[in-house]
N, C-alpha and C. Protein backbone atom coordinates (compact mmCIF):
# COMPACT_ATOMS: atom_id res chain seq x y z
N MET A 1 6.12 -70.13 -1.88
CA MET A 1 4.95 -69.31 -2.07
C MET A 1 4.76 -68.43 -0.83
N ALA A 2 4.63 -67.14 -1.04
CA ALA A 2 4.49 -66.20 0.06
C ALA A 2 3.07 -66.23 0.62
N LYS A 3 2.98 -66.03 1.93
CA LYS A 3 1.68 -66.01 2.58
C LYS A 3 1.05 -64.63 2.37
N LYS A 4 -0.19 -64.61 1.93
CA LYS A 4 -0.88 -63.37 1.63
C LYS A 4 -1.54 -62.81 2.88
N LYS A 5 -1.41 -61.51 3.10
CA LYS A 5 -2.06 -60.87 4.23
C LYS A 5 -3.55 -60.75 3.95
N SER A 6 -4.32 -60.76 4.99
CA SER A 6 -5.76 -60.69 4.85
C SER A 6 -6.23 -59.23 4.76
N LEU A 7 -7.00 -58.93 3.75
CA LEU A 7 -7.65 -57.63 3.62
C LEU A 7 -9.16 -57.82 3.63
N LYS A 8 -9.63 -58.76 4.41
CA LYS A 8 -11.05 -59.08 4.43
C LYS A 8 -11.88 -57.95 5.02
N GLY A 9 -13.09 -57.87 4.57
CA GLY A 9 -14.04 -56.95 5.17
C GLY A 9 -14.17 -55.61 4.49
N LEU A 10 -13.21 -55.22 3.67
CA LEU A 10 -13.27 -53.91 3.05
C LEU A 10 -13.46 -53.96 1.54
N GLY A 11 -13.10 -55.07 0.91
CA GLY A 11 -13.25 -55.19 -0.53
C GLY A 11 -12.35 -54.21 -1.25
N ALA A 12 -12.88 -53.56 -2.27
CA ALA A 12 -12.10 -52.60 -3.06
C ALA A 12 -12.38 -51.17 -2.64
N ARG A 13 -12.95 -51.00 -1.48
CA ARG A 13 -13.33 -49.66 -1.03
C ARG A 13 -12.23 -49.01 -0.18
N TYR A 14 -12.30 -47.72 -0.01
CA TYR A 14 -11.55 -46.89 0.94
C TYR A 14 -10.09 -46.62 0.58
N GLY A 15 -9.52 -47.21 -0.43
CA GLY A 15 -8.14 -46.93 -0.80
C GLY A 15 -7.16 -47.87 -0.13
N ILE A 16 -6.00 -48.01 -0.73
CA ILE A 16 -5.02 -48.98 -0.29
C ILE A 16 -4.39 -48.61 1.05
N LYS A 17 -4.19 -47.34 1.32
CA LYS A 17 -3.54 -46.92 2.57
C LYS A 17 -4.39 -47.32 3.78
N ILE A 18 -5.68 -47.08 3.71
CA ILE A 18 -6.58 -47.43 4.83
C ILE A 18 -6.70 -48.95 4.96
N ARG A 19 -6.74 -49.66 3.83
CA ARG A 19 -6.83 -51.12 3.89
C ARG A 19 -5.57 -51.74 4.49
N LYS A 20 -4.40 -51.21 4.19
CA LYS A 20 -3.16 -51.72 4.77
C LYS A 20 -3.11 -51.45 6.27
N GLU A 21 -3.53 -50.28 6.70
CA GLU A 21 -3.56 -49.96 8.13
C GLU A 21 -4.56 -50.85 8.87
N TYR A 22 -5.72 -51.09 8.25
CA TYR A 22 -6.73 -51.98 8.83
C TYR A 22 -6.17 -53.39 8.99
N THR A 23 -5.47 -53.88 7.98
CA THR A 23 -4.89 -55.22 8.02
C THR A 23 -3.84 -55.32 9.11
N LYS A 24 -3.00 -54.30 9.26
CA LYS A 24 -1.96 -54.31 10.28
C LYS A 24 -2.57 -54.39 11.68
N ILE A 25 -3.59 -53.59 11.93
CA ILE A 25 -4.24 -53.59 13.23
C ILE A 25 -5.00 -54.88 13.46
N HIS A 26 -5.66 -55.39 12.43
CA HIS A 26 -6.44 -56.62 12.56
C HIS A 26 -5.53 -57.81 12.89
N LEU A 27 -4.39 -57.93 12.21
CA LEU A 27 -3.46 -59.02 12.48
C LEU A 27 -2.83 -58.88 13.87
N GLN A 28 -2.57 -57.66 14.30
CA GLN A 28 -2.02 -57.41 15.63
C GLN A 28 -3.03 -57.79 16.71
N LEU A 29 -4.29 -57.50 16.47
CA LEU A 29 -5.34 -57.79 17.44
C LEU A 29 -5.58 -59.28 17.58
N LYS A 30 -5.46 -60.04 16.50
CA LYS A 30 -5.79 -61.46 16.52
C LYS A 30 -4.62 -62.38 16.84
N GLN A 31 -3.42 -61.83 17.05
CA GLN A 31 -2.28 -62.69 17.34
C GLN A 31 -2.40 -63.32 18.73
N LYS A 32 -1.72 -64.46 18.92
CA LYS A 32 -1.76 -65.17 20.20
C LYS A 32 -0.89 -64.45 21.21
N ARG A 33 -1.38 -64.39 22.45
CA ARG A 33 -0.66 -63.75 23.54
C ARG A 33 -0.59 -64.68 24.74
N THR A 34 0.45 -64.52 25.52
CA THR A 34 0.56 -65.32 26.73
C THR A 34 0.14 -64.49 27.93
N CYS A 35 -0.48 -65.14 28.87
CA CYS A 35 -0.94 -64.48 30.09
C CYS A 35 0.27 -64.15 30.97
N PRO A 36 0.37 -62.91 31.45
CA PRO A 36 1.51 -62.56 32.31
C PRO A 36 1.44 -63.23 33.68
N GLU A 37 0.27 -63.68 34.08
CA GLU A 37 0.10 -64.31 35.39
C GLU A 37 0.39 -65.81 35.37
N CYS A 38 -0.28 -66.55 34.48
CA CYS A 38 -0.16 -68.01 34.49
C CYS A 38 0.64 -68.57 33.31
N GLY A 39 0.86 -67.77 32.28
CA GLY A 39 1.66 -68.21 31.14
C GLY A 39 0.91 -68.99 30.08
N SER A 40 -0.42 -69.09 30.17
CA SER A 40 -1.18 -69.83 29.16
C SER A 40 -1.40 -68.97 27.91
N GLU A 41 -1.81 -69.60 26.83
CA GLU A 41 -2.04 -68.91 25.55
C GLU A 41 -3.48 -68.43 25.41
N LYS A 42 -4.25 -68.44 26.47
CA LYS A 42 -5.67 -68.08 26.40
C LYS A 42 -5.92 -66.63 26.80
N PHE A 43 -5.00 -65.76 26.52
CA PHE A 43 -5.11 -64.34 26.87
C PHE A 43 -5.68 -63.59 25.68
N SER A 44 -6.80 -62.91 25.86
CA SER A 44 -7.46 -62.24 24.74
C SER A 44 -8.15 -60.96 25.20
N ARG A 45 -8.63 -60.21 24.24
CA ARG A 45 -9.30 -58.94 24.49
C ARG A 45 -10.78 -59.16 24.72
N ASP A 46 -11.32 -58.60 25.79
CA ASP A 46 -12.76 -58.67 26.08
C ASP A 46 -13.49 -57.47 25.48
N ALA A 47 -12.94 -56.29 25.69
CA ALA A 47 -13.52 -55.06 25.18
C ALA A 47 -12.35 -54.11 24.89
N VAL A 48 -12.66 -52.90 24.48
CA VAL A 48 -11.61 -51.94 24.16
C VAL A 48 -10.81 -51.64 25.42
N GLY A 49 -9.55 -52.05 25.44
CA GLY A 49 -8.67 -51.77 26.56
C GLY A 49 -8.74 -52.75 27.71
N ILE A 50 -9.59 -53.78 27.64
CA ILE A 50 -9.71 -54.76 28.71
C ILE A 50 -9.27 -56.12 28.18
N TRP A 51 -8.24 -56.68 28.79
CA TRP A 51 -7.67 -57.95 28.40
C TRP A 51 -7.81 -58.93 29.55
N SER A 52 -8.16 -60.18 29.24
CA SER A 52 -8.33 -61.16 30.31
C SER A 52 -7.87 -62.54 29.85
N CYS A 53 -7.56 -63.36 30.86
CA CYS A 53 -7.15 -64.73 30.63
C CYS A 53 -8.35 -65.64 30.89
N LYS A 54 -8.61 -66.54 29.96
CA LYS A 54 -9.74 -67.46 30.11
C LYS A 54 -9.44 -68.56 31.12
N LYS A 55 -8.16 -68.83 31.37
CA LYS A 55 -7.78 -69.92 32.26
C LYS A 55 -7.78 -69.49 33.73
N CYS A 56 -7.12 -68.38 34.04
CA CYS A 56 -6.97 -67.98 35.44
C CYS A 56 -7.81 -66.75 35.83
N SER A 57 -8.58 -66.19 34.89
CA SER A 57 -9.46 -65.03 35.12
C SER A 57 -8.69 -63.76 35.50
N PHE A 58 -7.43 -63.66 35.10
CA PHE A 58 -6.63 -62.46 35.33
C PHE A 58 -7.06 -61.38 34.36
N LYS A 59 -7.33 -60.17 34.85
CA LYS A 59 -7.73 -59.06 33.99
C LYS A 59 -6.74 -57.92 34.14
N ILE A 60 -6.54 -57.22 33.03
CA ILE A 60 -5.63 -56.08 33.02
C ILE A 60 -6.15 -55.06 32.01
N ALA A 61 -5.87 -53.80 32.26
CA ALA A 61 -6.23 -52.74 31.33
C ALA A 61 -5.01 -52.41 30.49
N GLY A 62 -5.23 -52.27 29.18
CA GLY A 62 -4.14 -51.95 28.27
C GLY A 62 -4.62 -50.96 27.24
N THR A 63 -3.95 -50.95 26.11
CA THR A 63 -4.39 -50.07 25.02
C THR A 63 -5.47 -50.77 24.21
N ALA A 64 -6.02 -50.11 23.24
CA ALA A 64 -7.17 -50.62 22.52
C ALA A 64 -6.86 -51.88 21.70
N TYR A 65 -5.75 -51.92 20.99
CA TYR A 65 -5.47 -53.02 20.08
C TYR A 65 -4.32 -53.91 20.53
N ASP A 66 -3.57 -53.51 21.53
CA ASP A 66 -2.44 -54.30 21.98
C ASP A 66 -2.30 -54.06 23.48
N ILE A 67 -1.53 -54.91 24.12
CA ILE A 67 -1.31 -54.76 25.56
C ILE A 67 0.13 -54.39 25.80
N LYS A 68 0.33 -53.40 26.62
CA LYS A 68 1.67 -52.97 27.01
C LYS A 68 1.84 -53.28 28.48
N LEU A 69 2.80 -54.17 28.76
CA LEU A 69 3.03 -54.55 30.17
C LEU A 69 4.17 -53.77 30.76
């Protein structure tokens, strides 16, 4: 059985193209990341372009939905 992608939050509105793009960005934003400083899995986005580690308090500026090191 294939795993279904989440299209939550939009319902049947806005058309399929926008819903697919929203799902792609949403899944990319919520994926687990490792901290470049300490290597823990507690690296997440605080605000648009600001990423921080909850374990070692390392902060870095990146792009809005993903981090480019």
